[in-house]
């Protein structure tokens, strides 16, 4: 038994557009992503702003600073718990938009 419908949120708009439009790229990473997407599941890839993806961004930052190859948390790390609390309290993060 596994997942049949997967929704992925990613904060790099150009990557999301390239994958959704099936644009051909020569990178190994792009080839691996296409291979994963061709599995026996439905994948929906959406763009989100980094501010809307703060938990994933924090986990990636924490993972990048680790020396272990695999890290398992049984509860969210303290930094992620703080972000979740802000979310539950409705505390937003402002985003600067340059209109020039």
PDB file of N, CA and C in Angstrom:
ATOM      1  N   UNK A   1       0.851  -1.162   0.000  1.00  0.00           N
ATOM      2  CA  UNK A   1       0.000   0.000   0.000  1.00  0.00           C
ATOM      3  C   UNK A   1       0.907   1.238   0.000  1.00  0.00           C
ATOM      4  N   UNK A   2       0.551   2.222  -0.827  1.00  0.00           N
ATOM      5  CA  UNK A   2       1.353   3.432  -0.897  1.00  0.00           C
ATOM      6  C   UNK A   2       0.494   4.617  -1.276  1.00  0.00           C
ATOM      7  N   UNK A   3       1.136   5.718  -1.484  1.00  0.00           N
ATOM      8  CA  UNK A   3       0.442   6.934  -1.865  1.00  0.00           C
ATOM      9  C   UNK A   3       0.091   6.901  -3.342  1.00  0.00           C
ATOM     10  N   UNK A   4      -1.114   7.311  -3.680  1.00  0.00           N
ATOM     11  CA  UNK A   4      -1.541   7.377  -5.083  1.00  0.00           C
ATOM     12  C   UNK A   4      -1.663   8.815  -5.553  1.00  0.00           C
ATOM     13  N   UNK A   5      -1.943   9.736  -4.647  1.00  0.00           N
ATOM     14  CA  UNK A   5      -2.059  11.155  -4.973  1.00  0.00           C
ATOM     15  C   UNK A   5      -1.103  11.934  -4.080  1.00  0.00           C
ATOM     16  N   UNK A   6      -0.177  12.635  -4.712  1.00  0.00           N
ATOM     17  CA  UNK A   6       0.843  13.377  -3.977  1.00  0.00           C
ATOM     18  C   UNK A   6       0.809  14.827  -4.435  1.00  0.00           C
ATOM     19  N   UNK A   7       0.806  15.743  -3.483  1.00  0.00           N
ATOM     20  CA  UNK A   7       0.848  17.163  -3.802  1.00  0.00           C
ATOM     21  C   UNK A   7       2.164  17.719  -3.266  1.00  0.00           C
ATOM     22  N   UNK A   8       2.935  18.345  -4.145  1.00  0.00           N
ATOM     23  CA  UNK A   8       4.244  18.887  -3.796  1.00  0.00           C
ATOM     24  C   UNK A   8       4.183  20.400  -3.916  1.00  0.00           C
ATOM     25  N   UNK A   9       4.663  21.091  -2.898  1.00  0.00           N
ATOM     26  CA  UNK A   9       4.750  22.542  -2.936  1.00  0.00           C
ATOM     27  C   UNK A   9       6.222  22.911  -2.917  1.00  0.00           C
ATOM     28  N   UNK A  10       6.615  23.756  -3.875  1.00  0.00           N
ATOM     29  CA  UNK A  10       8.026  24.098  -4.037  1.00  0.00           C
ATOM     30  C   UNK A  10       8.139  25.595  -4.235  1.00  0.00           C
ATOM     31  N   UNK A  11       9.195  26.199  -3.693  1.00  0.00           N
ATOM     32  CA  UNK A  11       9.282  27.656  -3.738  1.00  0.00           C
ATOM     33  C   UNK A  11      10.165  28.209  -4.858  1.00  0.00           C
ATOM     34  N   UNK A  12      10.521  27.398  -5.823  1.00  0.00           N
ATOM     35  CA  UNK A  12      11.285  27.879  -6.977  1.00  0.00           C
ATOM     36  C   UNK A  12      10.358  27.863  -8.200  1.00  0.00           C
ATOM     37  N   UNK A  13       9.812  29.027  -8.526  1.00  0.00           N
ATOM     38  CA  UNK A  13       8.812  29.129  -9.586  1.00  0.00           C
ATOM     39  C   UNK A  13       9.324  28.596 -10.926  1.00  0.00           C
ATOM     40  N   UNK A  14      10.551  28.909 -11.303  1.00  0.00           N
ATOM     41  CA  UNK A  14      11.074  28.452 -12.593  1.00  0.00           C
ATOM     42  C   UNK A  14      11.161  26.931 -12.662  1.00  0.00           C
ATOM     43  N   UNK A  15      11.505  26.305 -11.566  1.00  0.00           N
ATOM     44  CA  UNK A  15      11.574  24.843 -11.533  1.00  0.00           C
ATOM     45  C   UNK A  15      10.176  24.258 -11.677  1.00  0.00           C
ATOM     46  N   UNK A  16       9.206  24.806 -10.943  1.00  0.00           N
ATOM     47  CA  UNK A  16       7.826  24.325 -11.019  1.00  0.00           C
ATOM     48  C   UNK A  16       7.299  24.454 -12.448  1.00  0.00           C
ATOM     49  N   UNK A  17       7.516  25.603 -13.065  1.00  0.00           N
ATOM     50  CA  UNK A  17       7.035  25.817 -14.436  1.00  0.00           C
ATOM     51  C   UNK A  17       7.709  24.859 -15.414  1.00  0.00           C
ATOM     52  N   UNK A  18       9.008  24.666 -15.298  1.00  0.00           N
ATOM     53  CA  UNK A  18       9.726  23.769 -16.203  1.00  0.00           C
ATOM     54  C   UNK A  18       9.212  22.341 -16.086  1.00  0.00           C
ATOM     55  N   UNK A  19       8.964  21.889 -14.872  1.00  0.00           N
ATOM     56  CA  UNK A  19       8.483  20.520 -14.668  1.00  0.00           C
ATOM     57  C   UNK A  19       7.042  20.384 -15.140  1.00  0.00           C
ATOM     58  N   UNK A  20       6.186  21.335 -14.778  1.00  0.00           N
ATOM     59  CA  UNK A  20       4.784  21.259 -15.183  1.00  0.00           C
ATOM     60  C   UNK A  20       4.616  21.344 -16.695  1.00  0.00           C
ATOM     61  N   UNK A  21       5.454  22.110 -17.371  1.00  0.00           N
ATOM     62  CA  UNK A  21       5.364  22.242 -18.832  1.00  0.00           C
ATOM     63  C   UNK A  21       6.172  21.172 -19.555  1.00  0.00           C
ATOM     64  N   UNK A  22       6.819  20.287 -18.772  1.00  0.00           N
ATOM     65  CA  UNK A  22       7.634  19.202 -19.315  1.00  0.00           C
ATOM     66  C   UNK A  22       8.723  19.727 -20.257  1.00  0.00           C
ATOM     67  N   UNK A  23       9.311  20.847 -19.875  1.00  0.00           N
ATOM     68  CA  UNK A  23      10.410  21.398 -20.649  1.00  0.00           C
ATOM     69  C   UNK A  23      11.634  20.503 -20.482  1.00  0.00           C
ATOM     70  N   UNK A  24      12.355  20.297 -21.525  1.00  0.00           N
ATOM     71  CA  UNK A  24      13.528  19.423 -21.480  1.00  0.00           C
ATOM     72  C   UNK A  24      14.718  20.173 -20.897  1.00  0.00           C
ATOM     73  N   UNK A  25      15.327  19.603 -19.923  1.00  0.00           N
ATOM     74  CA  UNK A  25      16.540  20.139 -19.311  1.00  0.00           C
ATOM     75  C   UNK A  25      17.602  19.043 -19.359  1.00  0.00           C
ATOM     76  N   UNK A  26      18.821  19.437 -19.390  1.00  0.00           N
ATOM     77  CA  UNK A  26      19.915  18.471 -19.495  1.00  0.00           C
ATOM     78  C   UNK A  26      20.485  18.052 -18.142  1.00  0.00           C
ATOM     79  N   UNK A  27      19.978  18.600 -17.057  1.00  0.00           N
ATOM     80  CA  UNK A  27      20.576  18.289 -15.757  1.00  0.00           C
ATOM     81  C   UNK A  27      20.152  16.913 -15.262  1.00  0.00           C
ATOM     82  N   UNK A  28      21.026  16.329 -14.475  1.00  0.00           N
ATOM     83  CA  UNK A  28      20.750  15.031 -13.862  1.00  0.00           C
ATOM     84  C   UNK A  28      19.589  15.138 -12.872  1.00  0.00           C
ATOM     85  N   UNK A  29      19.532  16.258 -12.135  1.00  0.00           N
ATOM     86  CA  UNK A  29      18.447  16.460 -11.171  1.00  0.00           C
ATOM     87  C   UNK A  29      17.098  16.470 -11.881  1.00  0.00           C
ATOM     88  N   UNK A  30      17.020  17.167 -13.004  1.00  0.00           N
ATOM     89  CA  UNK A  30      15.762  17.234 -13.747  1.00  0.00           C
ATOM     90  C   UNK A  30      15.358  15.840 -14.238  1.00  0.00           C
ATOM     91  N   UNK A  31      16.317  15.066 -14.717  1.00  0.00           N
ATOM     92  CA  UNK A  31      16.030  13.703 -15.183  1.00  0.00           C
ATOM     93  C   UNK A  31      15.494  12.854 -14.034  1.00  0.00           C
ATOM     94  N   UNK A  32      16.099  12.980 -12.855  1.00  0.00           N
ATOM     95  CA  UNK A  32      15.638  12.206 -11.698  1.00  0.00           C
ATOM     96  C   UNK A  32      14.232  12.616 -11.270  1.00  0.00           C
ATOM     97  N   UNK A  33      13.943  13.917 -11.317  1.00  0.00           N
ATOM     98  CA  UNK A  33      12.601  14.395 -10.977  1.00  0.00           C
ATOM     99  C   UNK A  33      11.580  13.820 -11.947  1.00  0.00           C
ATOM    100  N   UNK A  34      11.876  13.856 -13.238  1.00  0.00           N
ATOM    101  CA  UNK A  34      10.952  13.305 -14.234  1.00  0.00           C
ATOM    102  C   UNK A  34      10.745  11.807 -14.017  1.00  0.00           C
ATOM    103  N   UNK A  35      11.796  11.115 -13.653  1.00  0.00           N
ATOM    104  CA  UNK A  35      11.685   9.680 -13.373  1.00  0.00           C
ATOM    105  C   UNK A  35      10.769   9.423 -12.181  1.00  0.00           C
ATOM    106  N   UNK A  36      10.920  10.219 -11.127  1.00  0.00           N
ATOM    107  CA  UNK A  36      10.045  10.083  -9.957  1.00  0.00           C
ATOM    108  C   UNK A  36       8.595  10.397 -10.301  1.00  0.00           C
ATOM    109  N   UNK A  37       8.379  11.421 -11.123  1.00  0.00           N
ATOM    110  CA  UNK A  37       7.017  11.815 -11.483  1.00  0.00           C
ATOM    111  C   UNK A  37       6.326  10.779 -12.364  1.00  0.00           C
ATOM    112  N   UNK A  38       7.093   9.934 -13.041  1.00  0.00           N
ATOM    113  CA  UNK A  38       6.493   8.949 -13.941  1.00  0.00           C
ATOM    114  C   UNK A  38       6.062   7.677 -13.217  1.00  0.00           C
ATOM    115  N   UNK A  39       6.134   7.664 -11.895  1.00  0.00           N
ATOM    116  CA  UNK A  39       5.723   6.500 -11.122  1.00  0.00           C
ATOM    117  C   UNK A  39       4.217   6.264 -11.200  1.00  0.00           C
ATOM    118  N   UNK A  40       3.764   5.266 -10.476  1.00  0.00           N
ATOM    119  CA  UNK A  40       2.343   4.897 -10.490  1.00  0.00           C
ATOM    120  C   UNK A  40       1.565   5.716  -9.468  1.00  0.00           C
ATOM    121  N   UNK A  41       1.578   7.018  -9.631  1.00  0.00           N
ATOM    122  CA  UNK A  41       0.861   7.919  -8.762  1.00  0.00           C
ATOM    123  C   UNK A  41       0.542   9.198  -9.513  1.00  0.00           C
ATOM    124  N   UNK A  42      -0.347   9.975  -8.969  1.00  0.00           N
ATOM    125  CA  UNK A  42      -0.678  11.282  -9.526  1.00  0.00           C
ATOM    126  C   UNK A  42       0.043  12.328  -8.690  1.00  0.00           C
ATOM    127  N   UNK A  43       0.828  13.157  -9.344  1.00  0.00           N
ATOM    128  CA  UNK A  43       1.589  14.183  -8.643  1.00  0.00           C
ATOM    129  C   UNK A  43       1.140  15.549  -9.138  1.00  0.00           C
ATOM    130  N   UNK A  44       0.834  16.422  -8.196  1.00  0.00           N
ATOM    131  CA  UNK A  44       0.500  17.806  -8.517  1.00  0.00           C
ATOM    132  C   UNK A  44       1.581  18.689  -7.909  1.00  0.00           C
ATOM    133  N   UNK A  45       2.244  19.454  -8.757  1.00  0.00           N
ATOM    134  CA  UNK A  45       3.333  20.313  -8.315  1.00  0.00           C
ATOM    135  C   UNK A  45       2.875  21.755  -8.350  1.00  0.00           C
ATOM    136  N   UNK A  46       2.950  22.431  -7.197  1.00  0.00           N
ATOM    137  CA  UNK A  46       2.491  23.813  -7.069  1.00  0.00           C
ATOM    138  C   UNK A  46       3.621  24.701  -6.587  1.00  0.00           C
ATOM    139  N   UNK A  47       3.583  25.956  -7.042  1.00  0.00           N
ATOM    140  CA  UNK A  47       4.530  26.935  -6.531  1.00  0.00           C
ATOM    141  C   UNK A  47       3.956  27.583  -5.282  1.00  0.00           C
ATOM    142  N   UNK A  48       4.808  27.764  -4.283  1.00  0.00           N
ATOM    143  CA  UNK A  48       4.448  28.530  -3.089  1.00  0.00           C
ATOM    144  C   UNK A  48       5.598  29.487  -2.811  1.00  0.00           C
ATOM    145  N   UNK A  49       5.285  30.629  -2.216  1.00  0.00           N
ATOM    146  CA  UNK A  49       6.347  31.531  -1.813  1.00  0.00           C
ATOM    147  C   UNK A  49       7.081  30.929  -0.624  1.00  0.00           C
ATOM    148  N   UNK A  50       8.333  31.266  -0.488  1.00  0.00           N
ATOM    149  CA  UNK A  50       9.140  30.730   0.613  1.00  0.00           C
ATOM    150  C   UNK A  50       8.471  30.989   1.957  1.00  0.00           C
ATOM    151  N   UNK A  51       7.803  32.130   2.103  1.00  0.00           N
ATOM    152  CA  UNK A  51       7.120  32.440   3.361  1.00  0.00           C
ATOM    153  C   UNK A  51       6.009  31.440   3.652  1.00  0.00           C
ATOM    154  N   UNK A  52       5.408  30.878   2.628  1.00  0.00           N
ATOM    155  CA  UNK A  52       4.353  29.889   2.807  1.00  0.00           C
ATOM    156  C   UNK A  52       4.894  28.489   3.003  1.00  0.00           C
ATOM    157  N   UNK A  53       6.188  28.356   2.905  1.00  0.00           N
ATOM    158  CA  UNK A  53       6.833  27.047   2.974  1.00  0.00           C
ATOM    159  C   UNK A  53       7.889  27.068   4.082  1.00  0.00           C
ATOM    160  N   UNK A  54       7.635  27.840   5.129  1.00  0.00           N
ATOM    161  CA  UNK A  54       8.641  28.087   6.155  1.00  0.00           C
ATOM    162  C   UNK A  54       9.072  26.826   6.903  1.00  0.00           C
ATOM    163  N   UNK A  55       8.147  25.916   7.181  1.00  0.00           N
ATOM    164  CA  UNK A  55       8.533  24.691   7.904  1.00  0.00           C
ATOM    165  C   UNK A  55       9.502  23.858   7.066  1.00  0.00           C
ATOM    166  N   UNK A  56       9.174  23.658   5.806  1.00  0.00           N
ATOM    167  CA  UNK A  56      10.059  22.882   4.935  1.00  0.00           C
ATOM    168  C   UNK A  56      11.398  23.575   4.768  1.00  0.00           C
ATOM    169  N   UNK A  57      11.384  24.896   4.649  1.00  0.00           N
ATOM    170  CA  UNK A  57      12.621  25.658   4.504  1.00  0.00           C
ATOM    171  C   UNK A  57      13.491  25.510   5.748  1.00  0.00           C
ATOM    172  N   UNK A  58      12.878  25.555   6.920  1.00  0.00           N
ATOM    173  CA  UNK A  58      13.627  25.407   8.176  1.00  0.00           C
ATOM    174  C   UNK A  58      14.195  23.999   8.301  1.00  0.00           C
ATOM    175  N   UNK A  59      13.404  22.985   7.955  1.00  0.00           N
ATOM    176  CA  UNK A  59      13.886  21.601   8.032  1.00  0.00           C
ATOM    177  C   UNK A  59      15.059  21.389   7.069  1.00  0.00           C
ATOM    178  N   UNK A  60      14.961  21.972   5.873  1.00  0.00           N
ATOM    179  CA  UNK A  60      16.066  21.862   4.912  1.00  0.00           C
ATOM    180  C   UNK A  60      17.323  22.525   5.464  1.00  0.00           C
ATOM    181  N   UNK A  61      17.163  23.676   6.099  1.00  0.00           N
ATOM    182  CA  UNK A  61      18.313  24.368   6.699  1.00  0.00           C
ATOM    183  C   UNK A  61      18.933  23.532   7.817  1.00  0.00           C
ATOM    184  N   UNK A  62      18.088  22.960   8.644  1.00  0.00           N
ATOM    185  CA  UNK A  62      18.595  22.112   9.722  1.00  0.00           C
ATOM    186  C   UNK A  62      19.306  20.883   9.164  1.00  0.00           C
ATOM    187  N   UNK A  63      18.738  20.293   8.127  1.00  0.00           N
ATOM    188  CA  UNK A  63      19.346  19.110   7.520  1.00  0.00           C
ATOM    189  C   UNK A  63      20.679  19.405   6.867  1.00  0.00           C
ATOM    190  N   UNK A  64      20.802  20.582   6.284  1.00  0.00           N
ATOM    191  CA  UNK A  64      22.048  20.949   5.609  1.00  0.00           C
ATOM    192  C   UNK A  64      23.198  21.108   6.591  1.00  0.00           C
ATOM    193  N   UNK A  65      22.873  21.389   7.836  1.00  0.00           N
ATOM    194  CA  UNK A  65      23.929  21.591   8.833  1.00  0.00           C
ATOM    195  C   UNK A  65      24.258  20.306   9.600  1.00  0.00           C
ATOM    196  N   UNK A  66      23.624  19.197   9.265  1.00  0.00           N
ATOM    197  CA  UNK A  66      23.860  17.928   9.950  1.00  0.00           C
ATOM    198  C   UNK A  66      24.977  17.139   9.269  1.00  0.00           C
ATOM    199  N   UNK A  67      25.672  16.324  10.045  1.00  0.00           N
ATOM    200  CA  UNK A  67      26.708  15.459   9.471  1.00  0.00           C
ATOM    201  C   UNK A  67      26.174  14.048   9.197  1.00  0.00           C
ATOM    202  N   UNK A  68      25.050  13.694   9.827  1.00  0.00           N
ATOM    203  CA  UNK A  68      24.471  12.365   9.616  1.00  0.00           C
ATOM    204  C   UNK A  68      23.826  12.292   8.233  1.00  0.00           C
ATOM    205  N   UNK A  69      23.837  11.094   7.627  1.00  0.00           N
ATOM    206  CA  UNK A  69      23.183  10.926   6.330  1.00  0.00           C
ATOM    207  C   UNK A  69      21.671  10.886   6.469  1.00  0.00           C
ATOM    208  N   UNK A  70      21.196  10.351   7.578  1.00  0.00           N
ATOM    209  CA  UNK A  70      19.759  10.214   7.799  1.00  0.00           C
ATOM    210  C   UNK A  70      19.435  10.731   9.186  1.00  0.00           C
ATOM    211  N   UNK A  71      18.397  11.527   9.270  1.00  0.00           N
ATOM    212  CA  UNK A  71      17.998  12.106  10.542  1.00  0.00           C
ATOM    213  C   UNK A  71      16.495  11.936  10.695  1.00  0.00           C
ATOM    214  N   UNK A  72      16.067  11.376  11.806  1.00  0.00           N
ATOM    215  CA  UNK A  72      14.643  11.140  12.058  1.00  0.00           C
ATOM    216  C   UNK A  72      14.247  11.892  13.327  1.00  0.00           C
ATOM    217  N   UNK A  73      13.192  12.683  13.212  1.00  0.00           N
ATOM    218  CA  UNK A  73      12.643  13.374  14.381  1.00  0.00           C
ATOM    219  C   UNK A  73      11.314  12.731  14.727  1.00  0.00           C
ATOM    220  N   UNK A  74      11.093  12.470  16.002  1.00  0.00           N
ATOM    221  CA  UNK A  74       9.815  11.928  16.449  1.00  0.00           C
ATOM    222  C   UNK A  74       8.846  13.043  16.817  1.00  0.00           C
ATOM    223  N   UNK A  75       9.367  14.222  17.035  1.00  0.00           N
ATOM    224  CA  UNK A  75       8.566  15.433  17.201  1.00  0.00           C
ATOM    225  C   UNK A  75       9.273  16.514  16.397  1.00  0.00           C
ATOM    226  N   UNK A  76       8.559  17.521  15.960  1.00  0.00           N
ATOM    227  CA  UNK A  76       9.214  18.580  15.183  1.00  0.00           C
ATOM    228  C   UNK A  76      10.310  19.264  16.002  1.00  0.00           C
ATOM    229  N   UNK A  77      11.410  19.638  15.354  1.00  0.00           N
ATOM    230  CA  UNK A  77      12.449  20.381  16.061  1.00  0.00           C
ATOM    231  C   UNK A  77      11.881  21.681  16.636  1.00  0.00           C
ATOM    232  N   UNK A  78      12.513  22.208  17.671  1.00  0.00           N
ATOM    233  CA  UNK A  78      12.034  23.405  18.359  1.00  0.00           C
ATOM    234  C   UNK A  78      11.780  24.560  17.391  1.00  0.00           C
ATOM    235  N   UNK A  79      12.697  24.776  16.444  1.00  0.00           N
ATOM    236  CA  UNK A  79      12.538  25.882  15.490  1.00  0.00           C
ATOM    237  C   UNK A  79      11.286  25.699  14.632  1.00  0.00           C
ATOM    238  N   UNK A  80      10.973  24.472  14.281  1.00  0.00           N
ATOM    239  CA  UNK A  80       9.774  24.187  13.483  1.00  0.00           C
ATOM    240  C   UNK A  80       8.526  24.329  14.344  1.00  0.00           C
ATOM    241  N   UNK A  81       8.617  23.931  15.614  1.00  0.00           N
ATOM    242  CA  UNK A  81       7.485  24.097  16.525  1.00  0.00           C
ATOM    243  C   UNK A  81       7.100  25.563  16.639  1.00  0.00           C
ATOM    244  N   UNK A  82       8.092  26.443  16.685  1.00  0.00           N
ATOM    245  CA  UNK A  82       7.814  27.881  16.772  1.00  0.00           C
ATOM    246  C   UNK A  82       7.063  28.369  15.534  1.00  0.00           C
ATOM    247  N   UNK A  83       7.465  27.909  14.360  1.00  0.00           N
ATOM    248  CA  UNK A  83       6.786  28.294  13.118  1.00  0.00           C
ATOM    249  C   UNK A  83       5.349  27.780  13.130  1.00  0.00           C
ATOM    250  N   UNK A  84       5.156  26.548  13.586  1.00  0.00           N
ATOM    251  CA  UNK A  84       3.812  25.977  13.654  1.00  0.00           C
ATOM    252  C   UNK A  84       2.923  26.762  14.621  1.00  0.00           C
ATOM    253  N   UNK A  85       3.482  27.187  15.749  1.00  0.00           N
ATOM    254  CA  UNK A  85       2.717  27.995  16.709  1.00  0.00           C
ATOM    255  C   UNK A  85       2.282  29.314  16.065  1.00  0.00           C
ATOM    256  N   UNK A  86       3.205  29.963  15.347  1.00  0.00           N
ATOM    257  CA  UNK A  86       2.865  31.216  14.665  1.00  0.00           C
ATOM    258  C   UNK A  86       1.732  30.989  13.657  1.00  0.00           C
ATOM    259  N   UNK A  87       1.811  29.886  12.942  1.00  0.00           N
ATOM    260  CA  UNK A  87       0.772  29.557  11.969  1.00  0.00           C
ATOM    261  C   UNK A  87      -0.586  29.386  12.660  1.00  0.00           C
ATOM    262  N   UNK A  88      -0.594  28.637  13.772  1.00  0.00           N
ATOM    263  CA  UNK A  88      -1.842  28.407  14.498  1.00  0.00           C
ATOM    264  C   UNK A  88      -2.416  29.685  15.092  1.00  0.00           C
ATOM    265  N   UNK A  89      -1.544  30.620  15.459  1.00  0.00           N
ATOM    266  CA  UNK A  89      -1.982  31.897  16.018  1.00  0.00           C
ATOM    267  C   UNK A  89      -2.351  32.915  14.941  1.00  0.00           C
ATOM    268  N   UNK A  90      -2.137  32.554  13.686  1.00  0.00           N
ATOM    269  CA  UNK A  90      -2.478  33.460  12.591  1.00  0.00           C
ATOM    270  C   UNK A  90      -1.470  34.572  12.375  1.00  0.00           C
ATOM    271  N   UNK A  91      -0.258  34.359  12.864  1.00  0.00           N
ATOM    272  CA  UNK A  91       0.786  35.371  12.692  1.00  0.00           C
ATOM    273  C   UNK A  91       1.382  35.212  11.296  1.00  0.00           C
ATOM    274  N   UNK A  92       1.244  36.235  10.495  1.00  0.00           N
ATOM    275  CA  UNK A  92       1.741  36.179   9.120  1.00  0.00           C
ATOM    276  C   UNK A  92       3.158  36.692   8.998  1.00  0.00           C
ATOM    277  N   UNK A  93       3.743  36.430   7.855  1.00  0.00           N
ATOM    278  CA  UNK A  93       5.068  36.932   7.529  1.00  0.00           C
ATOM    279  C   UNK A  93       4.927  37.852   6.344  1.00  0.00           C
ATOM    280  N   UNK A  94       5.298  39.126   6.506  1.00  0.00           N
ATOM    281  CA  UNK A  94       5.158  40.068   5.377  1.00  0.00           C
ATOM    282  C   UNK A  94       6.106  39.718   4.241  1.00  0.00           C
ATOM    283  N   UNK A  95       5.667  39.986   3.054  1.00  0.00           N
ATOM    284  CA  UNK A  95       6.489  39.751   1.866  1.00  0.00           C
ATOM    285  C   UNK A  95       6.632  41.081   1.131  1.00  0.00           C
ATOM    286  N   UNK A  96       7.867  41.477   0.896  1.00  0.00           N
ATOM    287  CA  UNK A  96       8.132  42.714   0.157  1.00  0.00           C
ATOM    288  C   UNK A  96       7.964  42.434  -1.330  1.00  0.00           C
ATOM    289  N   UNK A  97       7.173  43.270  -1.988  1.00  0.00           N
ATOM    290  CA  UNK A  97       6.971  43.132  -3.426  1.00  0.00           C
ATOM    291  C   UNK A  97       7.399  44.455  -4.075  1.00  0.00           C
ATOM    292  N   UNK A  98       8.368  44.384  -4.963  1.00  0.00           N
ATOM    293  CA  UNK A  98       8.873  45.573  -5.654  1.00  0.00           C
ATOM    294  C   UNK A  98       7.988  45.840  -6.864  1.00  0.00           C
ATOM    295  N   UNK A  99       7.325  46.974  -6.889  1.00  0.00           N
ATOM    296  CA  UNK A  99       6.403  47.319  -7.976  1.00  0.00           C
ATOM    297  C   UNK A  99       7.048  48.231  -9.011  1.00  0.00           C
ATOM    298  N   UNK A 100       8.362  48.343  -8.996  1.00  0.00           N
ATOM    299  CA  UNK A 100       9.005  49.241  -9.965  1.00  0.00           C
ATOM    300  C   UNK A 100       9.212  48.566 -11.303  1.00  0.00           C
TER     301      UNK A 100
END
